[in-house]
Amino acid sequence: MTAAALANVLEGMFFSEDGQLEPAAVNALGKLFEEKGYTITGTDQGSLQLQANGGGAAAVAASAPKVPDLKLNPTWTSPAESHWTLHERLKGRDGFQFYKGGECLWYSKGKFFSMGKNITVYNMKDEALFSVRQQIINLRYTFQIRDAENDIICTIQRKFFHMDTPFRPFYKVTRGTEKEDVLYSIESNFGGYVFAIKNSDGETVCTIREKVSGQNQANRKKNLYEITCQPNVDCMMMALLGIVCDCIDNDG
């Protein structure tokens, strides 16, 4: 059947001779839209008026993976899947920029004269928000994320060996300085350019993937990452964990 013939069949099924939607068609379409979280509120000249009823968002929230209660910036969460970009800048030490679409939300600077990585994150008003600091006295790669008051939010440690990922990098993220209060685990591929951040149930809440660009082809230490967060995930935390992974696996 050609596209034109199929269009004629569908038109005969859904529309009356005066161009209005048939009641049976409205009922059938109503069930489909209801599953997606919408209600048909009216028809006019062959078109549908829809209203979001919250069912779609509720269904997404119900199926979303569980996330810890710790949130660095609740305003940068989304009830649906969200996409962000982490851009390592060419100039400066450990300089990153964090984008939503084309808008830069924050940037970072690293201290040149520092034993280990010491990176401070600033908002676009140049106000310090968080810091990412390497703990150099540990045998394993260990980093801490701290707030503007220098309080330790979480600790990230790369493991030498993990049974589930024996030949790939594996990180454990714990609350504050507590070793057993695990917030997330992070698994990487063998090359260290794709990171899967998982909750305590082993569900992936965020994926950080290197995007190939002219910049990182010329300099492998200057990377551009695409960050995909599941619903209700703290995107600020995910980006800071991405900086830690970059420091260890791509710069270390």
Protein backbone atom coordinates (compact mmCIF):
# COMPACT_ATOMS: atom_id res chain seq x y z
CA MET A 1 0.00 0.00 0.00
CA THR A 2 1.33 3.44 -0.88
CA ALA A 3 1.59 6.26 1.64
CA ALA A 4 -1.21 8.13 -0.10
CA ALA A 5 -3.50 5.12 0.00
CA LEU A 6 -2.75 4.55 3.68
CA ALA A 7 -3.52 8.21 4.43
CA ASN A 8 -6.89 7.88 2.73
CA VAL A 9 -7.74 4.78 4.78
CA LEU A 10 -6.77 6.48 8.05
CA GLU A 11 -8.72 9.60 7.13
CA GLY A 12 -11.81 7.49 6.56
CA MET A 13 -11.35 5.75 9.92
CA PHE A 14 -10.77 8.86 12.04
CA PHE A 15 -12.70 11.67 10.37
CA SER A 16 -16.33 12.17 9.38
CA GLU A 17 -17.37 13.70 6.07
CA ASP A 18 -17.46 17.19 7.60
CA GLY A 19 -13.85 16.88 8.77
CA GLN A 20 -14.57 16.23 12.45
CA LEU A 21 -12.98 13.45 14.46
CA GLU A 22 -15.23 10.42 14.91
CA PRO A 23 -16.22 9.74 18.58
CA ALA A 24 -14.81 6.20 18.35
CA ALA A 25 -11.49 7.62 17.17
CA VAL A 26 -11.42 10.10 20.05
CA ASN A 27 -12.05 7.27 22.54
CA ALA A 28 -9.29 5.12 21.05
CA LEU A 29 -6.80 8.00 20.97
CA GLY A 30 -7.80 8.98 24.50
CA LYS A 31 -6.61 5.63 25.84
CA LEU A 32 -3.28 5.99 24.08
CA PHE A 33 -2.72 9.53 25.36
CA GLU A 34 -3.78 8.55 28.87
CA GLU A 35 -0.90 6.05 29.02
CA LYS A 36 1.46 8.93 28.20
CA GLY A 37 0.00 11.17 30.89
CA TYR A 38 -2.41 13.32 28.86
CA THR A 39 -6.17 13.79 28.70
CA ILE A 40 -8.15 14.89 25.64
CA THR A 41 -10.09 17.97 26.74
CA GLY A 42 -11.79 18.75 23.42
CA THR A 43 -11.76 18.58 19.65
CA ASP A 44 -11.99 21.45 17.25
CA GLN A 45 -11.86 21.44 13.45
CA GLY A 46 -10.25 18.04 13.32
CA SER A 47 -7.61 18.75 15.98
CA LEU A 48 -7.18 17.57 19.57
CA GLN A 49 -6.74 19.65 22.72
CA LEU A 50 -4.57 17.87 25.27
CA GLN A 51 -3.83 18.51 28.92
CA ALA A 52 -1.01 16.96 30.90
CA ASN A 53 -2.46 15.17 33.91
CA GLY A 54 0.76 14.21 35.66
CA GLY A 55 0.38 10.54 34.86
CA GLY A 56 3.33 10.53 32.51
CA ALA A 57 5.63 12.21 35.03
CA ALA A 58 4.37 9.94 37.79
CA ALA A 59 5.01 6.87 35.65
CA VAL A 60 8.55 8.06 34.90
CA ALA A 61 9.22 8.78 38.57
CA ALA A 62 7.91 5.37 39.59
CA SER A 63 10.20 3.58 37.15
CA ALA A 64 13.26 5.79 37.80
CA PRO A 65 16.19 4.30 39.73
CA LYS A 66 16.54 5.10 43.41
CA VAL A 67 18.87 7.98 44.23
CA PRO A 68 20.48 8.97 47.57
CA ASP A 69 18.96 11.78 49.61
CA LEU A 70 22.18 13.81 49.37
CA LYS A 71 21.81 16.57 46.77
CA LEU A 72 24.35 19.32 46.13
CA ASN A 73 22.03 21.48 44.05
CA PRO A 74 18.34 20.43 43.99
CA THR A 75 17.58 23.01 41.28
CA TRP A 76 19.71 21.05 38.83
CA THR A 77 17.61 17.93 38.94
CA SER A 78 14.90 16.96 36.51
CA PRO A 79 11.81 14.70 36.75
CA ALA A 80 12.80 13.34 33.33
CA GLU A 81 16.07 12.19 31.79
CA SER A 82 18.41 15.17 31.34
CA HIS A 83 21.54 15.87 29.30
CA TRP A 84 24.53 18.03 30.21
CA THR A 85 28.05 18.71 28.93
CA LEU A 86 31.32 18.84 30.86
CA HIS A 87 34.03 20.61 28.88
CA GLU A 88 37.69 20.53 29.90
CA ARG A 89 39.25 23.81 28.83
CA LEU A 90 42.54 24.10 26.97
CA LYS A 91 43.88 26.93 29.15
CA GLY A 92 44.65 26.62 32.83
CA ARG A 93 45.06 23.63 35.11
CA ASP A 94 41.98 21.46 35.65
CA GLY A 95 39.65 24.06 34.17
CA PHE A 96 36.18 22.72 33.39
CA GLN A 97 32.94 24.29 32.20
CA PHE A 98 29.51 22.76 32.79
CA TYR A 99 26.78 23.38 30.23
CA LYS A 100 23.05 22.83 29.93
CA GLY A 101 22.35 23.27 26.24
CA GLY A 102 24.38 26.32 25.25
CA GLU A 103 24.35 27.93 28.71
CA CYS A 104 27.41 27.66 30.96
CA LEU A 105 26.24 27.13 34.55
CA TRP A 106 29.59 26.96 36.34
CA TYR A 107 33.32 26.63 35.80
CA SER A 108 36.35 25.39 37.72
CA LYS A 109 39.97 26.34 38.32
CA GLY A 110 42.79 24.20 39.65
CA LYS A 111 45.62 25.43 41.82
CA PHE A 112 48.99 25.34 40.07
CA PHE A 113 51.10 25.07 43.23
CA SER A 114 49.42 22.20 45.00
CA MET A 115 50.44 18.68 45.98
CA GLY A 116 47.77 16.69 44.19
CA LYS A 117 44.66 17.99 42.50
CA ASN A 118 42.91 20.93 44.16
CA ILE A 119 40.01 22.20 42.03
CA THR A 120 37.49 24.88 43.00
CA VAL A 121 34.11 25.21 41.31
CA TYR A 122 32.59 28.69 40.84
CA ASN A 123 29.19 29.91 39.68
CA MET A 124 28.93 32.53 36.96
CA LYS A 125 29.13 35.26 39.62
CA ASP A 126 32.61 33.97 40.57
CA GLU A 127 31.35 32.66 43.91
CA ALA A 128 32.99 29.46 45.17
CA LEU A 129 30.54 26.55 45.37
CA PHE A 130 32.50 23.34 45.86
CA SER A 131 36.00 21.94 45.68
CA VAL A 132 37.46 18.63 44.49
CA ARG A 133 40.61 17.69 46.40
CA GLN A 134 43.00 14.80 46.07
CA GLN A 135 44.17 13.11 49.27
CA ILE A 136 47.79 12.32 48.43
CA ILE A 137 48.71 10.37 51.58
CA ASN A 138 46.49 7.41 50.56
CA LEU A 139 47.84 4.39 48.70
CA ARG A 140 44.76 4.37 46.47
CA TYR A 141 43.55 7.29 44.40
CA THR A 142 41.35 9.17 46.87
CA PHE A 143 39.42 12.41 46.35
CA GLN A 144 37.01 14.44 48.47
CA ILE A 145 34.22 16.77 47.40
CA ARG A 146 33.81 19.67 49.83
CA ASP A 147 31.34 22.53 50.08
CA ALA A 148 32.17 26.23 50.25
CA GLU A 149 32.63 25.96 54.05
CA ASN A 150 35.23 23.20 53.52
CA ASP A 151 32.96 20.49 54.97
CA ILE A 152 33.49 17.06 53.41
CA ILE A 153 30.45 15.99 51.42
CA CYS A 154 31.71 12.67 50.09
CA THR A 155 34.85 10.64 49.50
CA ILE A 156 35.72 8.90 46.23
CA GLN A 157 38.25 6.10 46.19
CA ARG A 158 39.42 4.01 43.28
CA LYS A 159 39.79 0.34 44.13
CA PHE A 160 42.80 -1.72 43.10
CA PHE A 161 40.61 -4.71 42.29
CA HIS A 162 36.91 -5.48 42.21
CA MET A 163 35.37 -8.88 41.45
CA ASP A 164 32.67 -7.50 39.16
CA THR A 165 35.14 -5.42 37.13
CA PRO A 166 38.52 -7.16 37.54
CA PHE A 167 40.15 -5.48 34.54
CA ARG A 168 38.36 -2.14 34.55
CA PRO A 169 38.45 0.88 36.89
CA PHE A 170 36.01 0.80 39.82
CA TYR A 171 35.29 3.58 42.31
CA LYS A 172 33.34 3.74 45.55
CA VAL A 173 31.64 6.99 46.64
CA THR A 174 30.81 7.26 50.35
CA ARG A 175 29.07 9.93 52.41
CA GLY A 176 31.45 12.29 54.23
CA THR A 177 34.35 10.28 55.59
CA GLU A 178 32.25 7.20 56.36
CA LYS A 179 33.65 4.14 54.63
CA GLU A 180 30.50 2.04 54.78
CA ASP A 181 27.80 4.59 53.88
CA VAL A 182 28.01 4.02 50.13
CA LEU A 183 26.22 6.56 47.94
CA TYR A 184 27.36 5.40 44.50
CA SER A 185 29.74 3.10 42.71
CA ILE A 186 31.38 4.02 39.42
CA GLU A 187 32.41 1.55 36.73
CA SER A 188 34.49 2.43 33.69
CA ASN A 189 35.29 0.71 30.44
CA PHE A 190 38.83 -0.54 29.83
CA GLY A 191 39.93 2.69 28.14
CA GLY A 192 38.50 4.86 30.88
CA TYR A 193 36.36 7.10 28.70
CA VAL A 194 32.87 5.86 29.62
CA PHE A 195 31.77 5.96 33.25
CA ALA A 196 28.57 4.39 34.61
CA ILE A 197 27.52 5.77 38.00
CA LYS A 198 25.28 3.33 39.89
CA ASN A 199 23.18 3.44 43.05
CA SER A 200 23.37 0.97 45.91
CA ASP A 201 21.04 -1.39 44.02
CA GLY A 202 23.37 -1.52 41.02
CA GLU A 203 21.07 0.59 38.82
CA THR A 204 22.73 3.11 36.52
CA VAL A 205 21.70 6.64 37.47
CA CYS A 206 24.14 8.49 35.20
CA THR A 207 26.40 7.83 32.24
CA ILE A 208 29.40 10.03 31.47
CA ARG A 209 30.74 9.45 27.99
CA GLU A 210 33.62 11.13 26.22
CA LYS A 211 32.57 12.86 23.03
CA VAL A 212 35.14 12.76 20.26
CA SER A 213 36.22 16.24 19.21
CA GLY A 214 39.13 17.94 17.50
CA GLN A 215 40.34 19.11 20.91
CA ASN A 216 40.71 15.71 22.51
CA GLN A 217 42.13 14.21 19.35
CA ALA A 218 44.92 16.79 19.52
CA ASN A 219 45.37 16.48 23.29
CA ARG A 220 44.05 13.41 25.08
CA LYS A 221 44.08 15.27 28.41
CA LYS A 222 41.52 17.82 27.20
CA ASN A 223 38.17 16.09 27.07
CA LEU A 224 34.54 16.81 26.32
CA TYR A 225 32.01 14.67 28.17
CA GLU A 226 28.31 14.10 27.58
CA ILE A 227 26.46 13.48 30.85
CA THR A 228 23.10 11.69 30.83
CA CYS A 229 21.24 11.72 34.15
CA GLN A 230 18.19 9.65 35.03
CA PRO A 231 15.15 11.35 36.66
CA ASN A 232 15.72 13.10 40.00
CA VAL A 233 19.50 12.59 39.89
CA ASP A 234 21.72 15.31 41.37
CA CYS A 235 23.43 16.53 38.18
CA MET A 236 25.88 18.71 40.11
CA MET A 237 27.16 15.69 41.99
CA MET A 238 27.42 13.69 38.76
CA ALA A 239 29.51 16.40 37.08
CA LEU A 240 31.90 16.62 40.06
CA LEU A 241 32.28 12.84 40.02
CA GLY A 242 33.04 13.17 36.31
CA ILE A 243 35.88 15.58 37.13
CA VAL A 244 37.30 13.05 39.59
CA CYS A 245 37.15 10.26 37.02
CA ASP A 246 38.85 12.47 34.45
CA CYS A 247 41.61 13.37 36.92
CA ILE A 248 42.32 9.72 37.71
CA ASP A 249 41.76 7.83 34.48
CA ASN A 250 42.46 10.40 31.79
CA ASP A 251 45.01 12.64 33.49
CA GLY A 252 46.55 10.35 36.04
